[in-house]
Amino acid sequence: MAAARVMVSTSNTLTASLLSKGPLRRPNNFSLCFRNGPVQKRRLFTCSAIYNPQIQTIEEGQPETLDYRVFFADNSGKKISPWHDIPLHLGDGVFNFVVEIPKESSAKMEVATDEQHTPIKQDTKKGKLRYYPYNIHWNYGLLPQTWEDPTFANTEVEGAFGDNDPVDVVEIGESRGKIGQVLKVKPLAALAMIDEGELDWKIVAISLDDPRASLVNDVDDVEKHFPGTLTAIRDWFRDYKIPDGKPANRFALGNKPANKDYALKIITETNESWAKLVKRSIAAGELSLV
């Protein structure tokens, strides 16, 4: 059996949104508890419970192995999906963002959309773990409850079809996130990347906890307070496959980032696509809806 480590997040990020979902309720006081006894059946379980935990991440297996998974659970220990069960909207233009890849790391972590409870795992190719050829310089992850429909041809973006994944977020704040961390972010811009013919939106956003968050509210503010960042993001995603002998990715919309309003439009459209998916109005194929 794989090792399991349970980490309880006490961030206020999910307090209002998760409680509004119904199953997650504010618990009574808990005391710290740790159990690191002898390993039985090759399983190590560490638990901690503290006042007002909102969400837990449960690691199974060892990092950088094929078996490694980061599951999400509510405060009763019941597994939930970071894609389907964490709310998208927090109100006032603020959204939940799930960190898959912390800044300045290279392991290509992603939500396993075809596995039950959609845990985070390291992507593979031909049975081998995938890594970017160089570190990614921003926190990277997904917007929950969004989906880029592979049957929908976006006429505004060269008629490209969605890539069958949640919408990606590039979070430009100064702090390094953790795998499975959920942050409150506000969108600032959108890049329409076309990867091997598929539309793969990149929403540029900033954590509300960042010291400069109040200074940036749209695409022009990013250039003013984070000069060169939008170009660096575009170039990074354009070129990261080149060392593997693949062609560069392309960007539609004039090769430029769209503004905040357009980013919000994309989020709304992909949230509506996700709703159709989970209602089974669109065939899910191999995607897990649990």
C-alpha atoms as a PDB file:
ATOM      1  CA  MET A   1       0.000   0.000   0.000  1.00  0.00           C
ATOM      2  CA  ALA A   2       1.170   3.523  -0.683  1.00  0.00           C
ATOM      3  CA  ALA A   3       2.122   5.852   2.112  1.00  0.00           C
ATOM      4  CA  ALA A   4      -0.505   8.423   3.011  1.00  0.00           C
ATOM      5  CA  ARG A   5       0.030  11.830   4.547  1.00  0.00           C
ATOM      6  CA  VAL A   6      -2.892  14.065   5.481  1.00  0.00           C
ATOM      7  CA  MET A   7      -2.409  17.824   5.563  1.00  0.00           C
ATOM      8  CA  VAL A   8      -5.165  20.083   6.840  1.00  0.00           C
ATOM      9  CA  SER A   9      -5.435  23.552   5.393  1.00  0.00           C
ATOM     10  CA  THR A  10      -6.648  26.273   7.742  1.00  0.00           C
ATOM     11  CA  SER A  11      -6.642  28.983   5.105  1.00  0.00           C
ATOM     12  CA  ASN A  12      -9.683  31.213   4.997  1.00  0.00           C
ATOM     13  CA  THR A  13      -9.673  30.790   1.223  1.00  0.00           C
ATOM     14  CA  LEU A  14     -12.510  28.295   1.237  1.00  0.00           C
ATOM     15  CA  THR A  15     -14.416  29.288   4.347  1.00  0.00           C
ATOM     16  CA  ALA A  16     -17.415  30.952   2.739  1.00  0.00           C
ATOM     17  CA  SER A  17     -17.437  29.041  -0.510  1.00  0.00           C
ATOM     18  CA  LEU A  18     -17.145  25.547   0.876  1.00  0.00           C
ATOM     19  CA  LEU A  19     -19.587  26.121   3.687  1.00  0.00           C
ATOM     20  CA  SER A  20     -22.095  27.297   1.127  1.00  0.00           C
ATOM     21  CA  LYS A  21     -21.841  23.955  -0.618  1.00  0.00           C
ATOM     22  CA  GLY A  22     -23.714  22.186   2.159  1.00  0.00           C
ATOM     23  CA  PRO A  23     -21.642  19.064   2.983  1.00  0.00           C
ATOM     24  CA  LEU A  24     -18.813  21.040   4.558  1.00  0.00           C
ATOM     25  CA  ARG A  25     -19.718  22.501   7.935  1.00  0.00           C
ATOM     26  CA  ARG A  26     -17.740  24.338  10.558  1.00  0.00           C
ATOM     27  CA  PRO A  27     -16.478  21.660  12.971  1.00  0.00           C
ATOM     28  CA  ASN A  28     -16.105  21.829  16.714  1.00  0.00           C
ATOM     29  CA  ASN A  29     -12.729  22.340  18.313  1.00  0.00           C
ATOM     30  CA  PHE A  30     -10.199  19.680  17.470  1.00  0.00           C
ATOM     31  CA  SER A  31      -6.931  18.916  19.169  1.00  0.00           C
ATOM     32  CA  LEU A  32      -3.750  18.144  17.348  1.00  0.00           C
ATOM     33  CA  CYS A  33      -3.214  14.466  16.765  1.00  0.00           C
ATOM     34  CA  PHE A  34      -0.284  12.799  15.096  1.00  0.00           C
ATOM     35  CA  ARG A  35       0.286   9.089  14.693  1.00  0.00           C
ATOM     36  CA  ASN A  36       3.588   7.932  13.343  1.00  0.00           C
ATOM     37  CA  GLY A  37       3.823   4.439  14.663  1.00  0.00           C
ATOM     38  CA  PRO A  38       5.484   1.423  13.074  1.00  0.00           C
ATOM     39  CA  VAL A  39       4.630   0.982   9.428  1.00  0.00           C
ATOM     40  CA  GLN A  40       2.062  -1.745   8.980  1.00  0.00           C
ATOM     41  CA  LYS A  41       1.521  -3.254   5.547  1.00  0.00           C
ATOM     42  CA  ARG A  42       3.871  -0.573   4.217  1.00  0.00           C
ATOM     43  CA  ARG A  43       1.361   2.139   5.033  1.00  0.00           C
ATOM     44  CA  LEU A  44       2.236   5.313   6.912  1.00  0.00           C
ATOM     45  CA  PHE A  45      -0.610   7.560   7.984  1.00  0.00           C
ATOM     46  CA  THR A  46      -0.133  10.981   9.525  1.00  0.00           C
ATOM     47  CA  CYS A  47      -3.135  12.998  10.602  1.00  0.00           C
ATOM     48  CA  SER A  48      -3.575  16.427  12.038  1.00  0.00           C
ATOM     49  CA  ALA A  49      -6.833  18.046  13.040  1.00  0.00           C
ATOM     50  CA  ILE A  50      -7.082  21.631  14.222  1.00  0.00           C
ATOM     51  CA  TYR A  51      -9.809  24.177  14.750  1.00  0.00           C
ATOM     52  CA  ASN A  52     -11.876  25.014  11.690  1.00  0.00           C
ATOM     53  CA  PRO A  53     -10.159  22.976   8.989  1.00  0.00           C
ATOM     54  CA  GLN A  54     -11.846  23.626   5.658  1.00  0.00           C
ATOM     55  CA  ILE A  55     -10.193  21.168   3.335  1.00  0.00           C
ATOM     56  CA  GLN A  56      -7.575  18.455   3.555  1.00  0.00           C
ATOM     57  CA  THR A  57      -5.056  17.241   1.029  1.00  0.00           C
ATOM     58  CA  ILE A  58      -4.110  13.594   1.324  1.00  0.00           C
ATOM     59  CA  GLU A  59      -0.871  12.431  -0.264  1.00  0.00           C
ATOM     60  CA  GLU A  60      -0.582   8.830  -1.353  1.00  0.00           C
ATOM     61  CA  GLY A  61       2.711   7.430  -2.586  1.00  0.00           C
ATOM     62  CA  GLN A  62       6.019   9.223  -2.849  1.00  0.00           C
ATOM     63  CA  PRO A  63       6.511  12.417  -4.866  1.00  0.00           C
ATOM     64  CA  GLU A  64       8.017  11.965  -8.315  1.00  0.00           C
ATOM     65  CA  THR A  65       6.788   8.379  -8.661  1.00  0.00           C
ATOM     66  CA  LEU A  66       4.079   6.941 -10.888  1.00  0.00           C
ATOM     67  CA  ASP A  67       1.932   6.130  -7.850  1.00  0.00           C
ATOM     68  CA  TYR A  68       1.970   9.604  -6.314  1.00  0.00           C
ATOM     69  CA  ARG A  69      -1.441  11.242  -5.868  1.00  0.00           C
ATOM     70  CA  VAL A  70      -2.720  14.275  -3.965  1.00  0.00           C
ATOM     71  CA  PHE A  71      -6.371  13.753  -3.057  1.00  0.00           C
ATOM     72  CA  PHE A  72      -8.716  16.341  -1.584  1.00  0.00           C
ATOM     73  CA  ALA A  73     -11.140  15.708   1.271  1.00  0.00           C
ATOM     74  CA  ASP A  74     -13.687  17.655   3.287  1.00  0.00           C
ATOM     75  CA  ASN A  75     -13.302  18.046   7.032  1.00  0.00           C
ATOM     76  CA  SER A  76     -15.049  14.708   7.634  1.00  0.00           C
ATOM     77  CA  GLY A  77     -12.379  12.952   5.610  1.00  0.00           C
ATOM     78  CA  LYS A  78     -14.651  12.250   2.646  1.00  0.00           C
ATOM     79  CA  LYS A  79     -12.809  12.591  -0.659  1.00  0.00           C
ATOM     80  CA  ILE A  80     -13.935  15.360  -2.963  1.00  0.00           C
ATOM     81  CA  SER A  81     -12.893  16.426  -6.438  1.00  0.00           C
ATOM     82  CA  PRO A  82     -10.811  19.599  -6.760  1.00  0.00           C
ATOM     83  CA  TRP A  83     -12.288  19.973 -10.247  1.00  0.00           C
ATOM     84  CA  HIS A  84     -15.973  19.368  -9.524  1.00  0.00           C
ATOM     85  CA  ASP A  85     -16.530  20.051  -5.798  1.00  0.00           C
ATOM     86  CA  ILE A  86     -14.541  23.202  -5.086  1.00  0.00           C
ATOM     87  CA  PRO A  87     -16.696  26.176  -6.133  1.00  0.00           C
ATOM     88  CA  LEU A  88     -15.493  28.446  -8.900  1.00  0.00           C
ATOM     89  CA  HIS A  89     -17.094  31.712  -7.810  1.00  0.00           C
ATOM     90  CA  LEU A  90     -16.393  33.592  -4.590  1.00  0.00           C
ATOM     91  CA  GLY A  91     -18.210  36.771  -5.642  1.00  0.00           C
ATOM     92  CA  ASP A  92     -17.026  40.273  -6.638  1.00  0.00           C
ATOM     93  CA  GLY A  93     -14.900  38.943  -9.475  1.00  0.00           C
ATOM     94  CA  VAL A  94     -12.904  36.626  -7.208  1.00  0.00           C
ATOM     95  CA  PHE A  95     -12.407  32.933  -7.977  1.00  0.00           C
ATOM     96  CA  ASN A  96     -10.917  29.840  -6.412  1.00  0.00           C
ATOM     97  CA  PHE A  97      -7.673  28.647  -7.982  1.00  0.00           C
ATOM     98  CA  VAL A  98      -6.130  25.221  -7.326  1.00  0.00           C
ATOM     99  CA  VAL A  99      -2.323  25.095  -7.489  1.00  0.00           C
ATOM    100  CA  GLU A 100      -1.047  22.114  -9.456  1.00  0.00           C
ATOM    101  CA  ILE A 101       2.515  23.278 -10.142  1.00  0.00           C
ATOM    102  CA  PRO A 102       4.249  25.617  -7.662  1.00  0.00           C
ATOM    103  CA  LYS A 103       6.388  28.362  -9.151  1.00  0.00           C
ATOM    104  CA  GLU A 104      10.059  27.550  -9.768  1.00  0.00           C
ATOM    105  CA  SER A 105       9.449  23.817 -10.170  1.00  0.00           C
ATOM    106  CA  SER A 106       9.456  21.585 -13.247  1.00  0.00           C
ATOM    107  CA  ALA A 107       7.458  18.423 -12.457  1.00  0.00           C
ATOM    108  CA  LYS A 108       4.379  18.510 -14.705  1.00  0.00           C
ATOM    109  CA  MET A 109       1.636  18.005 -12.132  1.00  0.00           C
ATOM    110  CA  GLU A 110      -2.018  18.015 -13.176  1.00  0.00           C
ATOM    111  CA  VAL A 111      -5.474  16.988 -12.073  1.00  0.00           C
ATOM    112  CA  ALA A 112      -6.175  13.455 -13.272  1.00  0.00           C
ATOM    113  CA  THR A 113      -9.460  14.159 -15.016  1.00  0.00           C
ATOM    114  CA  ASP A 114     -10.006  10.481 -15.818  1.00  0.00           C
ATOM    115  CA  GLU A 115      -9.529   9.153 -12.268  1.00  0.00           C
ATOM    116  CA  GLN A 116     -12.140   9.002  -9.504  1.00  0.00           C
ATOM    117  CA  HIS A 117     -12.029  12.138  -7.306  1.00  0.00           C
ATOM    118  CA  THR A 118      -9.643  13.657  -9.892  1.00  0.00           C
ATOM    119  CA  PRO A 119      -6.509  13.793  -7.677  1.00  0.00           C
ATOM    120  CA  ILE A 120      -3.383  15.680  -8.684  1.00  0.00           C
ATOM    121  CA  LYS A 121      -0.688  13.468 -10.160  1.00  0.00           C
ATOM    122  CA  GLN A 122       2.443  13.881 -12.266  1.00  0.00           C
ATOM    123  CA  ASP A 123       1.753  13.596 -15.956  1.00  0.00           C
ATOM    124  CA  THR A 124       3.392  10.780 -17.907  1.00  0.00           C
ATOM    125  CA  LYS A 125       4.429  10.061 -21.456  1.00  0.00           C
ATOM    126  CA  LYS A 126       5.219   6.536 -22.622  1.00  0.00           C
ATOM    127  CA  GLY A 127       5.180   5.395 -19.005  1.00  0.00           C
ATOM    128  CA  LYS A 128       7.722   7.978 -17.836  1.00  0.00           C
ATOM    129  CA  LEU A 129       7.162  10.996 -15.599  1.00  0.00           C
ATOM    130  CA  ARG A 130       7.019  14.298 -17.424  1.00  0.00           C
ATOM    131  CA  TYR A 131       9.037  17.382 -16.530  1.00  0.00           C
ATOM    132  CA  TYR A 132       9.230  20.772 -18.153  1.00  0.00           C
ATOM    133  CA  PRO A 133      12.673  21.442 -19.669  1.00  0.00           C
ATOM    134  CA  TYR A 134      13.041  24.366 -17.244  1.00  0.00           C
ATOM    135  CA  ASN A 135      11.217  25.704 -14.211  1.00  0.00           C
ATOM    136  CA  ILE A 136       7.929  27.493 -14.578  1.00  0.00           C
ATOM    137  CA  HIS A 137       8.203  30.932 -12.975  1.00  0.00           C
ATOM    138  CA  TRP A 138       4.626  31.350 -11.751  1.00  0.00           C
ATOM    139  CA  ASN A 139       2.135  29.290  -9.783  1.00  0.00           C
ATOM    140  CA  TYR A 140       0.202  27.232 -12.303  1.00  0.00           C
ATOM    141  CA  GLY A 141      -3.051  25.348 -11.934  1.00  0.00           C
ATOM    142  CA  LEU A 142      -6.741  25.294 -12.707  1.00  0.00           C
ATOM    143  CA  LEU A 143     -10.040  27.038 -12.230  1.00  0.00           C
ATOM    144  CA  PRO A 144     -12.453  24.487 -10.720  1.00  0.00           C
ATOM    145  CA  GLN A 145     -15.819  23.928 -12.378  1.00  0.00           C
ATOM    146  CA  THR A 146     -14.567  24.967 -15.824  1.00  0.00           C
ATOM    147  CA  TRP A 147     -14.094  22.832 -18.910  1.00  0.00           C
ATOM    148  CA  GLU A 148     -12.788  23.492 -22.407  1.00  0.00           C
ATOM    149  CA  ASP A 149     -15.280  21.577 -24.534  1.00  0.00           C
ATOM    150  CA  PRO A 150     -13.499  19.559 -27.260  1.00  0.00           C
ATOM    151  CA  THR A 151     -16.696  19.555 -29.366  1.00  0.00           C
ATOM    152  CA  PHE A 152     -17.012  23.353 -29.421  1.00  0.00           C
ATOM    153  CA  ALA A 153     -15.265  25.300 -32.192  1.00  0.00           C
ATOM    154  CA  ASN A 154     -14.500  28.817 -30.980  1.00  0.00           C
ATOM    155  CA  THR A 155     -15.094  31.104 -33.952  1.00  0.00           C
ATOM    156  CA  GLU A 156     -13.231  33.943 -32.205  1.00  0.00           C
ATOM    157  CA  VAL A 157     -10.102  31.819 -31.957  1.00  0.00           C
ATOM    158  CA  GLU A 158      -9.566  30.375 -35.423  1.00  0.00           C
ATOM    159  CA  GLY A 159     -12.353  27.838 -34.908  1.00  0.00           C
ATOM    160  CA  ALA A 160     -10.135  25.855 -32.529  1.00  0.00           C
ATOM    161  CA  PHE A 161     -11.724  23.192 -30.336  1.00  0.00           C
ATOM    162  CA  GLY A 162     -11.215  23.003 -26.552  1.00  0.00           C
ATOM    163  CA  ASP A 163      -8.538  20.766 -25.070  1.00  0.00           C
ATOM    164  CA  ASN A 164     -10.900  18.710 -22.826  1.00  0.00           C
ATOM    165  CA  ASP A 165      -9.389  20.073 -19.592  1.00  0.00           C
ATOM    166  CA  PRO A 166     -10.256  22.656 -16.943  1.00  0.00           C
ATOM    167  CA  VAL A 167      -9.107  26.202 -17.673  1.00  0.00           C
ATOM    168  CA  ASP A 168      -5.480  26.899 -16.755  1.00  0.00           C
ATOM    169  CA  VAL A 169      -4.378  29.770 -14.528  1.00  0.00           C
ATOM    170  CA  VAL A 170      -0.982  31.464 -14.344  1.00  0.00           C
ATOM    171  CA  GLU A 171      -0.813  33.207 -10.960  1.00  0.00           C
ATOM    172  CA  ILE A 172       1.819  35.950 -10.945  1.00  0.00           C
ATOM    173  CA  GLY A 173       2.075  36.760  -7.218  1.00  0.00           C
ATOM    174  CA  GLU A 174       5.367  36.702  -5.359  1.00  0.00           C
ATOM    175  CA  SER A 175       4.627  33.769  -3.010  1.00  0.00           C
ATOM    176  CA  ARG A 176       5.304  30.184  -3.986  1.00  0.00           C
ATOM    177  CA  GLY A 177       2.221  28.012  -3.661  1.00  0.00           C
ATOM    178  CA  LYS A 178       2.009  24.353  -2.696  1.00  0.00           C
ATOM    179  CA  ILE A 179       0.566  21.443  -4.635  1.00  0.00           C
ATOM    180  CA  GLY A 180      -3.134  21.319  -3.833  1.00  0.00           C
ATOM    181  CA  GLN A 181      -3.278  24.781  -2.257  1.00  0.00           C
ATOM    182  CA  VAL A 182      -6.432  26.750  -3.015  1.00  0.00           C
ATOM    183  CA  LEU A 183      -5.997  30.499  -3.471  1.00  0.00           C
ATOM    184  CA  LYS A 184      -8.418  33.354  -3.970  1.00  0.00           C
ATOM    185  CA  VAL A 185      -7.496  35.095  -7.220  1.00  0.00           C
ATOM    186  CA  LYS A 186      -8.762  37.799  -9.518  1.00  0.00           C
ATOM    187  CA  PRO A 187      -8.293  37.421 -13.284  1.00  0.00           C
ATOM    188  CA  LEU A 188      -6.358  40.100 -15.136  1.00  0.00           C
ATOM    189  CA  ALA A 189      -5.868  38.857 -18.695  1.00  0.00           C
ATOM    190  CA  ALA A 190      -6.244  35.859 -20.998  1.00  0.00           C
ATOM    191  CA  LEU A 191      -3.936  34.268 -23.542  1.00  0.00           C
ATOM    192  CA  ALA A 192      -5.417  32.087 -26.281  1.00  0.00           C
ATOM    193  CA  MET A 193      -2.778  29.393 -26.709  1.00  0.00           C
ATOM    194  CA  ILE A 194      -3.221  26.878 -29.499  1.00  0.00           C
ATOM    195  CA  ASP A 195      -1.419  23.639 -28.686  1.00  0.00           C
ATOM    196  CA  GLU A 196      -1.317  21.121 -31.531  1.00  0.00           C
ATOM    197  CA  GLY A 197      -4.531  22.580 -32.879  1.00  0.00           C
ATOM    198  CA  GLU A 198      -6.385  22.651 -29.541  1.00  0.00           C
ATOM    199  CA  LEU A 199      -7.445  25.796 -27.719  1.00  0.00           C
ATOM    200  CA  ASP A 200      -5.787  25.949 -24.289  1.00  0.00           C
ATOM    201  CA  TRP A 201      -6.692  29.173 -22.484  1.00  0.00           C
ATOM    202  CA  LYS A 202      -4.223  30.667 -20.003  1.00  0.00           C
ATOM    203  CA  ILE A 203      -5.912  33.018 -17.539  1.00  0.00           C
ATOM    204  CA  VAL A 204      -3.408  35.388 -15.957  1.00  0.00           C
ATOM    205  CA  ALA A 205      -4.425  36.140 -12.372  1.00  0.00           C
ATOM    206  CA  ILE A 206      -3.084  37.306  -9.034  1.00  0.00           C
ATOM    207  CA  SER A 207      -3.687  36.030  -5.523  1.00  0.00           C
ATOM    208  CA  LEU A 208      -5.608  38.437  -3.325  1.00  0.00           C
ATOM    209  CA  ASP A 209      -2.965  37.806  -0.656  1.00  0.00           C
ATOM    210  CA  ASP A 210      -0.222  39.303  -2.807  1.00  0.00           C
ATOM    211  CA  PRO A 211       1.042  42.715  -1.617  1.00  0.00           C
ATOM    212  CA  ARG A 212       0.476  44.221  -5.068  1.00  0.00           C
ATOM    213  CA  ALA A 213      -2.967  42.704  -5.661  1.00  0.00           C
ATOM    214  CA  SER A 214      -4.773  46.000  -5.081  1.00  0.00           C
ATOM    215  CA  LEU A 215      -2.627  47.689  -7.753  1.00  0.00           C
ATOM    216  CA  VAL A 216      -3.540  45.375 -10.622  1.00  0.00           C
ATOM    217  CA  ASN A 217      -7.080  45.103 -11.947  1.00  0.00           C
ATOM    218  CA  ASP A 218      -6.665  44.705 -15.701  1.00  0.00           C
ATOM    219  CA  VAL A 219      -4.158  43.825 -18.384  1.00  0.00           C
ATOM    220  CA  ASP A 220      -2.562  47.309 -18.536  1.00  0.00           C
ATOM    221  CA  ASP A 221      -1.927  47.256 -14.791  1.00  0.00           C
ATOM    222  CA  VAL A 222       0.054  44.036 -15.169  1.00  0.00           C
ATOM    223  CA  GLU A 223       2.440  45.679 -17.579  1.00  0.00           C
ATOM    224  CA  LYS A 224       2.767  48.678 -15.271  1.00  0.00           C
ATOM    225  CA  HIS A 225       3.416  46.841 -12.012  1.00  0.00           C
ATOM    226  CA  PHE A 226       4.817  43.546 -13.368  1.00  0.00           C
ATOM    227  CA  PRO A 227       6.693  44.818 -16.440  1.00  0.00           C
ATOM    228  CA  GLY A 228       7.558  42.138 -18.970  1.00  0.00           C
ATOM    229  CA  THR A 229       5.540  39.439 -17.211  1.00  0.00           C
ATOM    230  CA  LEU A 230       2.863  38.973 -19.875  1.00  0.00           C
ATOM    231  CA  THR A 231       5.481  38.655 -22.600  1.00  0.00           C
ATOM    232  CA  ALA A 232       7.470  36.231 -20.445  1.00  0.00           C
ATOM    233  CA  ILE A 233       4.392  34.059 -19.858  1.00  0.00           C
ATOM    234  CA  ARG A 234       3.543  33.980 -23.558  1.00  0.00           C
ATOM    235  CA  ASP A 235       7.107  33.161 -24.553  1.00  0.00           C
ATOM    236  CA  TRP A 236       7.458  30.462 -21.884  1.00  0.00           C
ATOM    237  CA  PHE A 237       4.357  28.613 -23.050  1.00  0.00           C
ATOM    238  CA  ARG A 238       5.224  29.202 -26.692  1.00  0.00           C
ATOM    239  CA  ASP A 239       8.662  27.622 -26.397  1.00  0.00           C
ATOM    240  CA  TYR A 240       8.570  24.945 -23.681  1.00  0.00           C
ATOM    241  CA  LYS A 241       8.065  22.056 -26.106  1.00  0.00           C
ATOM    242  CA  ILE A 242      10.866  23.067 -28.448  1.00  0.00           C
ATOM    243  CA  PRO A 243      13.629  21.274 -26.461  1.00  0.00           C
ATOM    244  CA  ASP A 244      11.677  18.021 -27.034  1.00  0.00           C
ATOM    245  CA  GLY A 245      11.787  18.563 -30.770  1.00  0.00           C
ATOM    246  CA  LYS A 246       8.211  19.803 -31.118  1.00  0.00           C
ATOM    247  CA  PRO A 247       7.124  23.000 -32.846  1.00  0.00           C
ATOM    248  CA  ALA A 248       6.394  26.120 -30.842  1.00  0.00           C
ATOM    249  CA  ASN A 249       2.860  26.704 -29.635  1.00  0.00           C
ATOM    250  CA  ARG A 250       0.881  29.541 -31.193  1.00  0.00           C
ATOM    251  CA  PHE A 251      -1.306  32.275 -29.761  1.00  0.00           C
ATOM    252  CA  ALA A 252      -4.456  33.630 -31.347  1.00  0.00           C
ATOM    253  CA  LEU A 253      -6.124  37.016 -30.748  1.00  0.00           C
ATOM    254  CA  GLY A 254      -3.262  38.814 -32.443  1.00  0.00           C
ATOM    255  CA  ASN A 255      -0.630  37.097 -30.299  1.00  0.00           C
ATOM    256  CA  LYS A 256      -1.587  39.474 -27.476  1.00  0.00           C
ATOM    257  CA  PRO A 257      -3.230  39.033 -24.073  1.00  0.00           C
ATOM    258  CA  ALA A 258      -6.917  39.901 -23.921  1.00  0.00           C
ATOM    259  CA  ASN A 259      -8.188  42.139 -21.142  1.00  0.00           C
ATOM    260  CA  LYS A 260      -9.945  41.261 -17.895  1.00  0.00           C
ATOM    261  CA  ASP A 261     -13.450  41.466 -19.342  1.00  0.00           C
ATOM    262  CA  TYR A 262     -12.517  38.951 -22.000  1.00  0.00           C
ATOM    263  CA  ALA A 263     -10.961  36.689 -19.373  1.00  0.00           C
ATOM    264  CA  LEU A 264     -14.200  36.826 -17.375  1.00  0.00           C
ATOM    265  CA  LYS A 265     -16.130  35.971 -20.539  1.00  0.00           C
ATOM    266  CA  ILE A 266     -13.970  32.881 -21.062  1.00  0.00           C
ATOM    267  CA  ILE A 267     -14.453  31.825 -17.451  1.00  0.00           C
ATOM    268  CA  THR A 268     -18.226  32.181 -17.767  1.00  0.00           C
ATOM    269  CA  GLU A 269     -18.363  30.209 -21.016  1.00  0.00           C
ATOM    270  CA  THR A 270     -16.194  27.373 -19.738  1.00  0.00           C
ATOM    271  CA  ASN A 271     -18.148  27.237 -16.481  1.00  0.00           C
ATOM    272  CA  GLU A 272     -21.311  26.793 -18.538  1.00  0.00           C
ATOM    273  CA  SER A 273     -19.610  24.029 -20.524  1.00  0.00           C
ATOM    274  CA  TRP A 274     -18.641  22.291 -17.286  1.00  0.00           C
ATOM    275  CA  ALA A 275     -22.251  22.512 -16.065  1.00  0.00           C
ATOM    276  CA  LYS A 276     -23.438  20.769 -19.230  1.00  0.00           C
ATOM    277  CA  LEU A 277     -20.752  18.127 -18.726  1.00  0.00           C
ATOM    278  CA  VAL A 278     -21.703  17.251 -15.153  1.00  0.00           C
ATOM    279  CA  LYS A 279     -25.398  17.296 -16.050  1.00  0.00           C
ATOM    280  CA  ARG A 280     -24.487  14.809 -18.781  1.00  0.00           C
ATOM    281  CA  SER A 281     -25.860  17.030 -21.502  1.00  0.00           C
ATOM    282  CA  ILE A 282     -22.506  16.391 -23.186  1.00  0.00           C
ATOM    283  CA  ALA A 283     -20.890  12.958 -23.295  1.00  0.00           C
ATOM    284  CA  ALA A 284     -18.113  12.716 -20.708  1.00  0.00           C
ATOM    285  CA  GLY A 285     -16.116  10.016 -22.475  1.00  0.00           C
ATOM    286  CA  GLU A 286     -13.321   8.929 -20.139  1.00  0.00           C
ATOM    287  CA  LEU A 287     -13.644  11.958 -17.860  1.00  0.00           C
ATOM    288  CA  SER A 288     -14.544  11.289 -14.226  1.00  0.00           C
ATOM    289  CA  LEU A 289     -17.558  13.234 -12.977  1.00  0.00           C
ATOM    290  CA  VAL A 290     -16.989  12.130  -9.369  1.00  0.00           C
END
